[in-house]
């Protein structure tokens, strides 16, 4: 009986030491505004978005960054989170907002093919996880990401940066200039991960500066993932003076195309949703959150 008991104890020990595979939903914020900002490194702090009690995808994590510094300097925050939750046997859904889309695209294009250490999904106070002895220990190329959903994606920049509507000395504002954002990295390189774009159209205050339809901060050319070296005027169907932003991967009216692995999932034909989350999951962020609740499981 003793050999049997020894074997049984060993099996129980091995099973207890194994970590079960899990899915996580990572929320990557945009530019810091006048509202509350999350604490970098604290994946449980959803103050940028709204009440943390609101459903927002399986095992939701807030990938907080300072929302002011340059994209290159803040990419490490995203890489730490992806290493933590999207390696080994774990998989992630990514949700980006505004400049968070630029930050995520930059990170995947430049680091998505690098060798990553598999981590244990147990972050310290700085948001860094330890190496995993059980979660498929070792290394892997890139991260395990199912898809990205982008609310008001600013990977194509914003004309508000071009005209200096924000503090022009801020590094992020410099990065958000349309020509700079579009030349910052190869937007067609997504590591075969799909970006599903959600474009709001309830823009009023800055519509004179933003071409075509806009959410008051980001125009359709950026929120729709449209390729090219500069922004262009794109609108909802029925606007006689502007080409249509088309859904999915279909080329837009007039012939402009989306970047590879970018598809328009939502176009705000009713002009109902603006740019602002207002610390309460509002605006176009609310549209994306509803989609995430139903798909990130």
C-alpha atoms as a PDB file:
ATOM      1  CA  UNK A   1       0.000   0.000   0.000  1.00  0.00           C
ATOM      2  CA  UNK A   2       2.843   2.402   0.713  1.00  0.00           C
ATOM      3  CA  UNK A   3       4.048   2.677  -2.942  1.00  0.00           C
ATOM      4  CA  UNK A   4       0.442   3.344  -4.022  1.00  0.00           C
ATOM      5  CA  UNK A   5       0.006   6.056  -1.404  1.00  0.00           C
ATOM      6  CA  UNK A   6       3.303   7.640  -2.408  1.00  0.00           C
ATOM      7  CA  UNK A   7       2.253   7.694  -6.069  1.00  0.00           C
ATOM      8  CA  UNK A   8      -1.167   9.106  -5.189  1.00  0.00           C
ATOM      9  CA  UNK A   9       0.391  11.873  -3.088  1.00  0.00           C
ATOM     10  CA  UNK A  10       2.771  12.752  -5.907  1.00  0.00           C
ATOM     11  CA  UNK A  11      -0.103  12.972  -8.411  1.00  0.00           C
ATOM     12  CA  UNK A  12      -2.121  15.196  -6.083  1.00  0.00           C
ATOM     13  CA  UNK A  13       0.876  17.450  -5.597  1.00  0.00           C
ATOM     14  CA  UNK A  14       1.406  17.801  -9.335  1.00  0.00           C
ATOM     15  CA  UNK A  15      -2.262  18.521 -10.013  1.00  0.00           C
ATOM     16  CA  UNK A  16      -2.427  21.132  -7.233  1.00  0.00           C
ATOM     17  CA  UNK A  17       0.658  22.869  -8.638  1.00  0.00           C
ATOM     18  CA  UNK A  18      -0.794  23.189 -12.124  1.00  0.00           C
ATOM     19  CA  UNK A  19      -2.418  26.505 -13.032  1.00  0.00           C
ATOM     20  CA  UNK A  20      -5.632  26.285 -15.019  1.00  0.00           C
ATOM     21  CA  UNK A  21      -5.715  28.118 -18.326  1.00  0.00           C
ATOM     22  CA  UNK A  22      -7.701  31.354 -18.193  1.00  0.00           C
ATOM     23  CA  UNK A  23      -8.936  34.114 -20.474  1.00  0.00           C
ATOM     24  CA  UNK A  24      -8.479  37.796 -19.605  1.00  0.00           C
ATOM     25  CA  UNK A  25      -9.922  41.043 -20.970  1.00  0.00           C
ATOM     26  CA  UNK A  26      -7.387  43.883 -21.036  1.00  0.00           C
ATOM     27  CA  UNK A  27      -8.619  47.495 -21.226  1.00  0.00           C
ATOM     28  CA  UNK A  28      -6.002  49.948 -22.531  1.00  0.00           C
ATOM     29  CA  UNK A  29      -6.891  53.600 -21.886  1.00  0.00           C
ATOM     30  CA  UNK A  30      -6.376  56.648 -24.070  1.00  0.00           C
ATOM     31  CA  UNK A  31      -5.099  60.146 -23.411  1.00  0.00           C
ATOM     32  CA  UNK A  32      -5.451  61.440 -19.868  1.00  0.00           C
ATOM     33  CA  UNK A  33      -8.107  64.121 -19.651  1.00  0.00           C
ATOM     34  CA  UNK A  34      -9.863  66.123 -16.988  1.00  0.00           C
ATOM     35  CA  UNK A  35     -11.479  63.059 -15.407  1.00  0.00           C
ATOM     36  CA  UNK A  36     -10.042  60.356 -13.143  1.00  0.00           C
ATOM     37  CA  UNK A  37      -7.032  58.405 -14.350  1.00  0.00           C
ATOM     38  CA  UNK A  38      -6.106  54.868 -13.397  1.00  0.00           C
ATOM     39  CA  UNK A  39      -2.935  54.047 -11.470  1.00  0.00           C
ATOM     40  CA  UNK A  40      -0.216  52.579 -13.720  1.00  0.00           C
ATOM     41  CA  UNK A  41       0.601  49.054 -12.631  1.00  0.00           C
ATOM     42  CA  UNK A  42      -2.705  48.536 -10.815  1.00  0.00           C
ATOM     43  CA  UNK A  43      -4.772  46.270 -13.045  1.00  0.00           C
ATOM     44  CA  UNK A  44      -7.782  46.499 -10.730  1.00  0.00           C
ATOM     45  CA  UNK A  45      -8.103  50.297 -10.949  1.00  0.00           C
ATOM     46  CA  UNK A  46     -10.872  51.051 -13.473  1.00  0.00           C
ATOM     47  CA  UNK A  47     -11.368  54.679 -12.427  1.00  0.00           C
ATOM     48  CA  UNK A  48     -10.493  55.877 -15.952  1.00  0.00           C
ATOM     49  CA  UNK A  49     -13.408  53.904 -17.380  1.00  0.00           C
ATOM     50  CA  UNK A  50     -16.144  53.803 -14.758  1.00  0.00           C
ATOM     51  CA  UNK A  51     -17.387  51.675 -11.867  1.00  0.00           C
ATOM     52  CA  UNK A  52     -15.364  48.469 -11.631  1.00  0.00           C
ATOM     53  CA  UNK A  53     -18.545  46.580 -10.749  1.00  0.00           C
ATOM     54  CA  UNK A  54     -19.826  46.997 -14.318  1.00  0.00           C
ATOM     55  CA  UNK A  55     -19.316  43.867 -16.470  1.00  0.00           C
ATOM     56  CA  UNK A  56     -16.569  44.384 -19.049  1.00  0.00           C
ATOM     57  CA  UNK A  57     -15.427  40.959 -20.207  1.00  0.00           C
ATOM     58  CA  UNK A  58     -14.016  37.889 -18.505  1.00  0.00           C
ATOM     59  CA  UNK A  59     -11.337  38.557 -15.842  1.00  0.00           C
ATOM     60  CA  UNK A  60     -11.113  42.237 -16.798  1.00  0.00           C
ATOM     61  CA  UNK A  61      -7.845  44.076 -16.185  1.00  0.00           C
ATOM     62  CA  UNK A  62      -7.122  47.815 -16.554  1.00  0.00           C
ATOM     63  CA  UNK A  63      -3.805  48.333 -18.341  1.00  0.00           C
ATOM     64  CA  UNK A  64      -3.243  51.836 -17.002  1.00  0.00           C
ATOM     65  CA  UNK A  65      -0.582  54.113 -18.480  1.00  0.00           C
ATOM     66  CA  UNK A  66      -0.061  57.811 -17.870  1.00  0.00           C
ATOM     67  CA  UNK A  67      -1.885  59.068 -20.979  1.00  0.00           C
ATOM     68  CA  UNK A  68       0.572  61.937 -21.511  1.00  0.00           C
ATOM     69  CA  UNK A  69       3.999  60.516 -22.301  1.00  0.00           C
ATOM     70  CA  UNK A  70       5.195  59.291 -25.675  1.00  0.00           C
ATOM     71  CA  UNK A  71       3.930  56.048 -27.173  1.00  0.00           C
ATOM     72  CA  UNK A  72       7.448  54.569 -27.225  1.00  0.00           C
ATOM     73  CA  UNK A  73       8.013  55.289 -23.520  1.00  0.00           C
ATOM     74  CA  UNK A  74       4.672  53.766 -22.456  1.00  0.00           C
ATOM     75  CA  UNK A  75       4.792  50.615 -24.573  1.00  0.00           C
ATOM     76  CA  UNK A  76       6.502  48.820 -21.688  1.00  0.00           C
ATOM     77  CA  UNK A  77       3.297  49.107 -19.641  1.00  0.00           C
ATOM     78  CA  UNK A  78       1.412  47.216 -22.328  1.00  0.00           C
ATOM     79  CA  UNK A  79       4.163  44.635 -22.716  1.00  0.00           C
ATOM     80  CA  UNK A  80       4.144  43.978 -18.963  1.00  0.00           C
ATOM     81  CA  UNK A  81       0.394  43.341 -19.076  1.00  0.00           C
ATOM     82  CA  UNK A  82       0.587  41.132 -22.153  1.00  0.00           C
ATOM     83  CA  UNK A  83       3.406  39.124 -20.576  1.00  0.00           C
ATOM     84  CA  UNK A  84       1.380  38.738 -17.374  1.00  0.00           C
ATOM     85  CA  UNK A  85      -1.936  37.616 -18.796  1.00  0.00           C
ATOM     86  CA  UNK A  86      -1.395  36.548 -22.409  1.00  0.00           C
ATOM     87  CA  UNK A  87       1.381  33.952 -22.281  1.00  0.00           C
ATOM     88  CA  UNK A  88       1.601  30.246 -21.593  1.00  0.00           C
ATOM     89  CA  UNK A  89      -1.844  28.655 -21.496  1.00  0.00           C
ATOM     90  CA  UNK A  90      -3.637  31.982 -20.976  1.00  0.00           C
ATOM     91  CA  UNK A  91      -5.313  34.035 -23.699  1.00  0.00           C
ATOM     92  CA  UNK A  92      -6.434  37.659 -23.909  1.00  0.00           C
ATOM     93  CA  UNK A  93      -9.056  39.883 -25.437  1.00  0.00           C
ATOM     94  CA  UNK A  94      -7.798  43.463 -25.887  1.00  0.00           C
ATOM     95  CA  UNK A  95      -9.966  46.575 -25.735  1.00  0.00           C
ATOM     96  CA  UNK A  96      -8.374  49.881 -26.688  1.00  0.00           C
ATOM     97  CA  UNK A  97      -9.594  53.455 -26.579  1.00  0.00           C
ATOM     98  CA  UNK A  98      -8.400  56.460 -28.576  1.00  0.00           C
ATOM     99  CA  UNK A  99      -4.600  56.792 -28.137  1.00  0.00           C
ATOM    100  CA  UNK A 100      -4.607  53.315 -26.575  1.00  0.00           C
ATOM    101  CA  UNK A 101      -5.176  52.005 -30.103  1.00  0.00           C
ATOM    102  CA  UNK A 102      -1.992  53.710 -31.290  1.00  0.00           C
ATOM    103  CA  UNK A 103      -0.115  52.341 -28.269  1.00  0.00           C
ATOM    104  CA  UNK A 104      -1.370  48.798 -28.855  1.00  0.00           C
ATOM    105  CA  UNK A 105      -0.696  48.822 -32.590  1.00  0.00           C
ATOM    106  CA  UNK A 106       2.823  50.121 -31.981  1.00  0.00           C
ATOM    107  CA  UNK A 107       3.480  47.422 -29.389  1.00  0.00           C
ATOM    108  CA  UNK A 108       2.237  44.550 -31.547  1.00  0.00           C
ATOM    109  CA  UNK A 109       4.040  45.740 -34.677  1.00  0.00           C
ATOM    110  CA  UNK A 110       7.380  46.227 -32.924  1.00  0.00           C
ATOM    111  CA  UNK A 111       7.332  43.569 -30.199  1.00  0.00           C
ATOM    112  CA  UNK A 112       4.642  41.066 -31.188  1.00  0.00           C
ATOM    113  CA  UNK A 113       7.180  38.731 -32.760  1.00  0.00           C
ATOM    114  CA  UNK A 114       9.771  38.860 -29.977  1.00  0.00           C
ATOM    115  CA  UNK A 115      10.516  36.042 -27.564  1.00  0.00           C
ATOM    116  CA  UNK A 116       8.556  36.464 -24.318  1.00  0.00           C
ATOM    117  CA  UNK A 117       8.994  34.762 -20.956  1.00  0.00           C
ATOM    118  CA  UNK A 118       5.816  32.973 -19.862  1.00  0.00           C
ATOM    119  CA  UNK A 119       4.428  34.570 -16.708  1.00  0.00           C
ATOM    120  CA  UNK A 120       2.229  33.538 -13.779  1.00  0.00           C
ATOM    121  CA  UNK A 121      -0.594  36.143 -14.029  1.00  0.00           C
ATOM    122  CA  UNK A 122       0.160  37.301 -10.472  1.00  0.00           C
ATOM    123  CA  UNK A 123       1.362  40.923 -10.788  1.00  0.00           C
ATOM    124  CA  UNK A 124       3.300  42.825  -8.158  1.00  0.00           C
ATOM    125  CA  UNK A 125       2.596  46.458  -7.265  1.00  0.00           C
ATOM    126  CA  UNK A 126       4.449  47.635 -10.375  1.00  0.00           C
ATOM    127  CA  UNK A 127       2.285  45.470 -12.639  1.00  0.00           C
ATOM    128  CA  UNK A 128       5.032  42.940 -13.370  1.00  0.00           C
ATOM    129  CA  UNK A 129       4.459  39.194 -13.069  1.00  0.00           C
ATOM    130  CA  UNK A 130       6.909  36.477 -12.100  1.00  0.00           C
ATOM    131  CA  UNK A 131       8.062  33.661 -14.328  1.00  0.00           C
ATOM    132  CA  UNK A 132       5.665  30.750 -14.403  1.00  0.00           C
ATOM    133  CA  UNK A 133       6.776  27.284 -13.278  1.00  0.00           C
ATOM    134  CA  UNK A 134       3.424  25.762 -14.285  1.00  0.00           C
ATOM    135  CA  UNK A 135       1.736  27.917 -16.953  1.00  0.00           C
ATOM    136  CA  UNK A 136       3.499  26.229 -19.857  1.00  0.00           C
ATOM    137  CA  UNK A 137       6.837  27.374 -18.426  1.00  0.00           C
ATOM    138  CA  UNK A 138       9.583  28.660 -20.700  1.00  0.00           C
ATOM    139  CA  UNK A 139       9.355  31.150 -23.537  1.00  0.00           C
ATOM    140  CA  UNK A 140       7.174  31.813 -26.556  1.00  0.00           C
ATOM    141  CA  UNK A 141       7.057  34.112 -29.564  1.00  0.00           C
ATOM    142  CA  UNK A 142       4.681  37.023 -29.038  1.00  0.00           C
ATOM    143  CA  UNK A 143       1.436  36.833 -27.093  1.00  0.00           C
ATOM    144  CA  UNK A 144      -1.820  34.860 -27.106  1.00  0.00           C
ATOM    145  CA  UNK A 145      -4.405  37.420 -28.272  1.00  0.00           C
ATOM    146  CA  UNK A 146      -7.808  36.511 -29.660  1.00  0.00           C
ATOM    147  CA  UNK A 147      -8.739  39.968 -31.013  1.00  0.00           C
ATOM    148  CA  UNK A 148      -8.606  43.721 -30.411  1.00  0.00           C
ATOM    149  CA  UNK A 149     -11.713  45.931 -30.229  1.00  0.00           C
ATOM    150  CA  UNK A 150     -10.904  49.616 -30.651  1.00  0.00           C
ATOM    151  CA  UNK A 151     -13.222  52.401 -29.457  1.00  0.00           C
ATOM    152  CA  UNK A 152     -12.499  55.676 -31.275  1.00  0.00           C
ATOM    153  CA  UNK A 153      -9.150  54.318 -32.406  1.00  0.00           C
ATOM    154  CA  UNK A 154      -6.516  57.018 -32.858  1.00  0.00           C
ATOM    155  CA  UNK A 155      -3.841  54.954 -34.607  1.00  0.00           C
ATOM    156  CA  UNK A 156      -4.338  57.307 -37.555  1.00  0.00           C
ATOM    157  CA  UNK A 157      -3.883  60.379 -35.379  1.00  0.00           C
ATOM    158  CA  UNK A 158      -6.145  63.354 -34.755  1.00  0.00           C
ATOM    159  CA  UNK A 159      -6.270  66.709 -36.473  1.00  0.00           C
ATOM    160  CA  UNK A 160      -6.691  68.276 -33.030  1.00  0.00           C
ATOM    161  CA  UNK A 161      -3.008  67.536 -32.508  1.00  0.00           C
ATOM    162  CA  UNK A 162      -2.191  68.995 -35.902  1.00  0.00           C
ATOM    163  CA  UNK A 163      -3.777  72.351 -35.061  1.00  0.00           C
ATOM    164  CA  UNK A 164      -2.540  72.477 -31.457  1.00  0.00           C
ATOM    165  CA  UNK A 165      -5.931  72.229 -29.756  1.00  0.00           C
ATOM    166  CA  UNK A 166      -4.203  70.379 -26.894  1.00  0.00           C
ATOM    167  CA  UNK A 167      -1.035  71.273 -24.983  1.00  0.00           C
ATOM    168  CA  UNK A 168       1.520  71.076 -27.774  1.00  0.00           C
ATOM    169  CA  UNK A 169       4.464  70.411 -25.442  1.00  0.00           C
ATOM    170  CA  UNK A 170       2.917  67.129 -24.325  1.00  0.00           C
ATOM    171  CA  UNK A 171       4.802  64.182 -25.902  1.00  0.00           C
ATOM    172  CA  UNK A 172       1.617  62.240 -26.634  1.00  0.00           C
ATOM    173  CA  UNK A 173       0.126  65.197 -28.510  1.00  0.00           C
ATOM    174  CA  UNK A 174       3.174  65.206 -30.771  1.00  0.00           C
ATOM    175  CA  UNK A 175       2.709  61.479 -31.427  1.00  0.00           C
ATOM    176  CA  UNK A 176      -0.983  61.978 -32.225  1.00  0.00           C
ATOM    177  CA  UNK A 177      -0.331  64.295 -35.164  1.00  0.00           C
ATOM    178  CA  UNK A 178      -1.826  62.518 -38.173  1.00  0.00           C
ATOM    179  CA  UNK A 179       1.381  62.306 -40.202  1.00  0.00           C
ATOM    180  CA  UNK A 180       3.407  61.209 -37.150  1.00  0.00           C
ATOM    181  CA  UNK A 181       0.959  58.538 -35.969  1.00  0.00           C
ATOM    182  CA  UNK A 182       0.636  57.046 -39.449  1.00  0.00           C
ATOM    183  CA  UNK A 183       4.411  56.876 -39.941  1.00  0.00           C
ATOM    184  CA  UNK A 184       5.221  55.632 -36.427  1.00  0.00           C
ATOM    185  CA  UNK A 185       5.062  51.919 -37.341  1.00  0.00           C
ATOM    186  CA  UNK A 186       3.743  49.601 -40.043  1.00  0.00           C
ATOM    187  CA  UNK A 187       0.015  49.561 -39.271  1.00  0.00           C
ATOM    188  CA  UNK A 188      -0.441  46.544 -41.545  1.00  0.00           C
ATOM    189  CA  UNK A 189       1.633  44.409 -39.155  1.00  0.00           C
ATOM    190  CA  UNK A 190      -0.787  43.149 -36.490  1.00  0.00           C
ATOM    191  CA  UNK A 191       0.679  39.647 -36.058  1.00  0.00           C
ATOM    192  CA  UNK A 192      -2.504  38.385 -37.795  1.00  0.00           C
ATOM    193  CA  UNK A 193      -4.631  39.704 -34.947  1.00  0.00           C
ATOM    194  CA  UNK A 194      -7.890  41.350 -35.999  1.00  0.00           C
ATOM    195  CA  UNK A 195      -8.677  44.916 -34.948  1.00  0.00           C
ATOM    196  CA  UNK A 196     -12.443  45.525 -34.844  1.00  0.00           C
ATOM    197  CA  UNK A 197     -13.088  49.267 -35.111  1.00  0.00           C
ATOM    198  CA  UNK A 198     -15.925  51.246 -33.494  1.00  0.00           C
ATOM    199  CA  UNK A 199     -16.424  54.764 -34.866  1.00  0.00           C
ATOM    200  CA  UNK A 200     -18.577  57.399 -33.159  1.00  0.00           C
ATOM    201  CA  UNK A 201     -20.102  60.353 -35.027  1.00  0.00           C
ATOM    202  CA  UNK A 202     -21.614  62.727 -32.468  1.00  0.00           C
ATOM    203  CA  UNK A 203     -19.077  65.466 -33.060  1.00  0.00           C
ATOM    204  CA  UNK A 204     -19.925  69.149 -32.759  1.00  0.00           C
ATOM    205  CA  UNK A 205     -17.337  71.399 -31.141  1.00  0.00           C
ATOM    206  CA  UNK A 206     -14.313  70.614 -33.336  1.00  0.00           C
ATOM    207  CA  UNK A 207     -16.063  69.472 -36.507  1.00  0.00           C
ATOM    208  CA  UNK A 208     -14.463  72.371 -38.411  1.00  0.00           C
ATOM    209  CA  UNK A 209     -11.033  70.802 -37.817  1.00  0.00           C
ATOM    210  CA  UNK A 210     -11.874  67.108 -38.200  1.00  0.00           C
ATOM    211  CA  UNK A 211     -12.560  65.903 -41.760  1.00  0.00           C
ATOM    212  CA  UNK A 212     -15.784  64.024 -42.439  1.00  0.00           C
ATOM    213  CA  UNK A 213     -17.683  62.395 -39.609  1.00  0.00           C
ATOM    214  CA  UNK A 214     -16.115  62.526 -36.120  1.00  0.00           C
ATOM    215  CA  UNK A 215     -16.795  61.931 -32.421  1.00  0.00           C
ATOM    216  CA  UNK A 216     -15.386  65.367 -31.468  1.00  0.00           C
ATOM    217  CA  UNK A 217     -11.836  64.072 -31.078  1.00  0.00           C
ATOM    218  CA  UNK A 218     -11.198  61.389 -33.708  1.00  0.00           C
ATOM    219  CA  UNK A 219     -12.404  61.401 -37.315  1.00  0.00           C
ATOM    220  CA  UNK A 220     -13.719  58.385 -39.201  1.00  0.00           C
ATOM    221  CA  UNK A 221     -10.475  57.949 -41.143  1.00  0.00           C
ATOM    222  CA  UNK A 222      -8.716  57.007 -37.903  1.00  0.00           C
ATOM    223  CA  UNK A 223     -11.554  55.372 -35.966  1.00  0.00           C
ATOM    224  CA  UNK A 224     -12.247  53.257 -39.061  1.00  0.00           C
ATOM    225  CA  UNK A 225      -8.668  52.024 -39.445  1.00  0.00           C
ATOM    226  CA  UNK A 226      -8.266  53.604 -42.902  1.00  0.00           C
ATOM    227  CA  UNK A 227      -4.817  53.317 -44.480  1.00  0.00           C
ATOM    228  CA  UNK A 228      -2.790  56.115 -46.032  1.00  0.00           C
ATOM    229  CA  UNK A 229      -0.196  58.699 -45.120  1.00  0.00           C
ATOM    230  CA  UNK A 230      -2.765  61.282 -44.019  1.00  0.00           C
ATOM    231  CA  UNK A 231      -6.393  61.597 -42.980  1.00  0.00           C
ATOM    232  CA  UNK A 232      -9.265  61.834 -45.422  1.00  0.00           C
ATOM    233  CA  UNK A 233     -12.906  62.851 -45.273  1.00  0.00           C
ATOM    234  CA  UNK A 234     -15.236  59.885 -44.684  1.00  0.00           C
ATOM    235  CA  UNK A 235     -18.863  59.925 -43.566  1.00  0.00           C
ATOM    236  CA  UNK A 236     -22.048  57.956 -43.009  1.00  0.00           C
ATOM    237  CA  UNK A 237     -24.124  56.832 -46.000  1.00  0.00           C
ATOM    238  CA  UNK A 238     -26.382  59.557 -47.302  1.00  0.00           C
ATOM    239  CA  UNK A 239     -23.913  62.405 -46.967  1.00  0.00           C
ATOM    240  CA  UNK A 240     -23.654  63.797 -50.495  1.00  0.00           C
ATOM    241  CA  UNK A 241     -20.462  65.734 -49.857  1.00  0.00           C
ATOM    242  CA  UNK A 242     -18.353  62.942 -48.365  1.00  0.00           C
ATOM    243  CA  UNK A 243     -17.405  59.360 -49.254  1.00  0.00           C
ATOM    244  CA  UNK A 244     -18.865  56.573 -47.108  1.00  0.00           C
ATOM    245  CA  UNK A 245     -16.874  54.711 -44.479  1.00  0.00           C
ATOM    246  CA  UNK A 246     -17.932  51.141 -45.229  1.00  0.00           C
ATOM    247  CA  UNK A 247     -18.373  48.306 -42.751  1.00  0.00           C
ATOM    248  CA  UNK A 248     -16.113  45.299 -42.444  1.00  0.00           C
ATOM    249  CA  UNK A 249     -13.014  45.111 -44.630  1.00  0.00           C
ATOM    250  CA  UNK A 250     -14.767  46.464 -47.739  1.00  0.00           C
ATOM    251  CA  UNK A 251     -12.987  49.368 -49.447  1.00  0.00           C
ATOM    252  CA  UNK A 252     -14.604  52.694 -48.691  1.00  0.00           C
ATOM    253  CA  UNK A 253     -16.510  54.720 -51.229  1.00  0.00           C
ATOM    254  CA  UNK A 254     -13.911  56.471 -53.341  1.00  0.00           C
ATOM    255  CA  UNK A 255     -11.454  53.571 -53.101  1.00  0.00           C
ATOM    256  CA  UNK A 256      -9.630  54.067 -49.794  1.00  0.00           C
ATOM    257  CA  UNK A 257      -8.911  50.843 -47.902  1.00  0.00           C
ATOM    258  CA  UNK A 258      -8.424  49.745 -44.315  1.00  0.00           C
ATOM    259  CA  UNK A 259      -5.134  48.531 -42.937  1.00  0.00           C
ATOM    260  CA  UNK A 260      -4.640  44.762 -43.030  1.00  0.00           C
ATOM    261  CA  UNK A 261      -6.558  42.890 -40.321  1.00  0.00           C
ATOM    262  CA  UNK A 262      -8.718  45.953 -39.584  1.00  0.00           C
ATOM    263  CA  UNK A 263     -12.499  45.794 -39.948  1.00  0.00           C
ATOM    264  CA  UNK A 264     -15.202  48.339 -39.094  1.00  0.00           C
ATOM    265  CA  UNK A 265     -17.544  46.604 -36.651  1.00  0.00           C
ATOM    266  CA  UNK A 266     -19.643  49.668 -35.803  1.00  0.00           C
ATOM    267  CA  UNK A 267     -20.346  52.892 -37.692  1.00  0.00           C
ATOM    268  CA  UNK A 268     -22.457  55.457 -35.862  1.00  0.00           C
ATOM    269  CA  UNK A 269     -25.101  56.047 -38.540  1.00  0.00           C
ATOM    270  CA  UNK A 270     -27.423  57.710 -36.010  1.00  0.00           C
ATOM    271  CA  UNK A 271     -24.717  60.105 -34.780  1.00  0.00           C
ATOM    272  CA  UNK A 272     -25.502  59.042 -31.218  1.00  0.00           C
ATOM    273  CA  UNK A 273     -22.088  58.472 -29.634  1.00  0.00           C
ATOM    274  CA  UNK A 274     -19.318  60.942 -28.864  1.00  0.00           C
ATOM    275  CA  UNK A 275     -15.745  60.336 -27.739  1.00  0.00           C
ATOM    276  CA  UNK A 276     -16.046  60.690 -23.986  1.00  0.00           C
ATOM    277  CA  UNK A 277     -16.325  57.840 -21.440  1.00  0.00           C
ATOM    278  CA  UNK A 278     -16.985  60.413 -18.660  1.00  0.00           C
ATOM    279  CA  UNK A 279     -15.799  57.989 -16.000  1.00  0.00           C
ATOM    280  CA  UNK A 280     -19.009  56.013 -16.502  1.00  0.00           C
ATOM    281  CA  UNK A 281     -18.493  53.751 -19.548  1.00  0.00           C
ATOM    282  CA  UNK A 282     -20.228  56.378 -21.723  1.00  0.00           C
ATOM    283  CA  UNK A 283     -20.003  57.400 -25.383  1.00  0.00           C
ATOM    284  CA  UNK A 284     -18.491  55.041 -27.930  1.00  0.00           C
ATOM    285  CA  UNK A 285     -16.792  53.194 -25.041  1.00  0.00           C
ATOM    286  CA  UNK A 286     -20.234  52.002 -23.942  1.00  0.00           C
ATOM    287  CA  UNK A 287     -20.916  50.518 -27.375  1.00  0.00           C
ATOM    288  CA  UNK A 288     -17.677  48.572 -27.251  1.00  0.00           C
ATOM    289  CA  UNK A 289     -18.275  47.447 -23.668  1.00  0.00           C
ATOM    290  CA  UNK A 290     -21.613  45.921 -24.655  1.00  0.00           C
ATOM    291  CA  UNK A 291     -19.932  44.026 -27.479  1.00  0.00           C
ATOM    292  CA  UNK A 292     -17.149  42.851 -25.185  1.00  0.00           C
ATOM    293  CA  UNK A 293     -19.561  41.523 -22.559  1.00  0.00           C
ATOM    294  CA  UNK A 294     -21.120  39.300 -25.212  1.00  0.00           C
ATOM    295  CA  UNK A 295     -17.906  38.091 -26.834  1.00  0.00           C
ATOM    296  CA  UNK A 296     -15.018  38.152 -24.319  1.00  0.00           C
ATOM    297  CA  UNK A 297     -15.810  35.046 -22.297  1.00  0.00           C
END
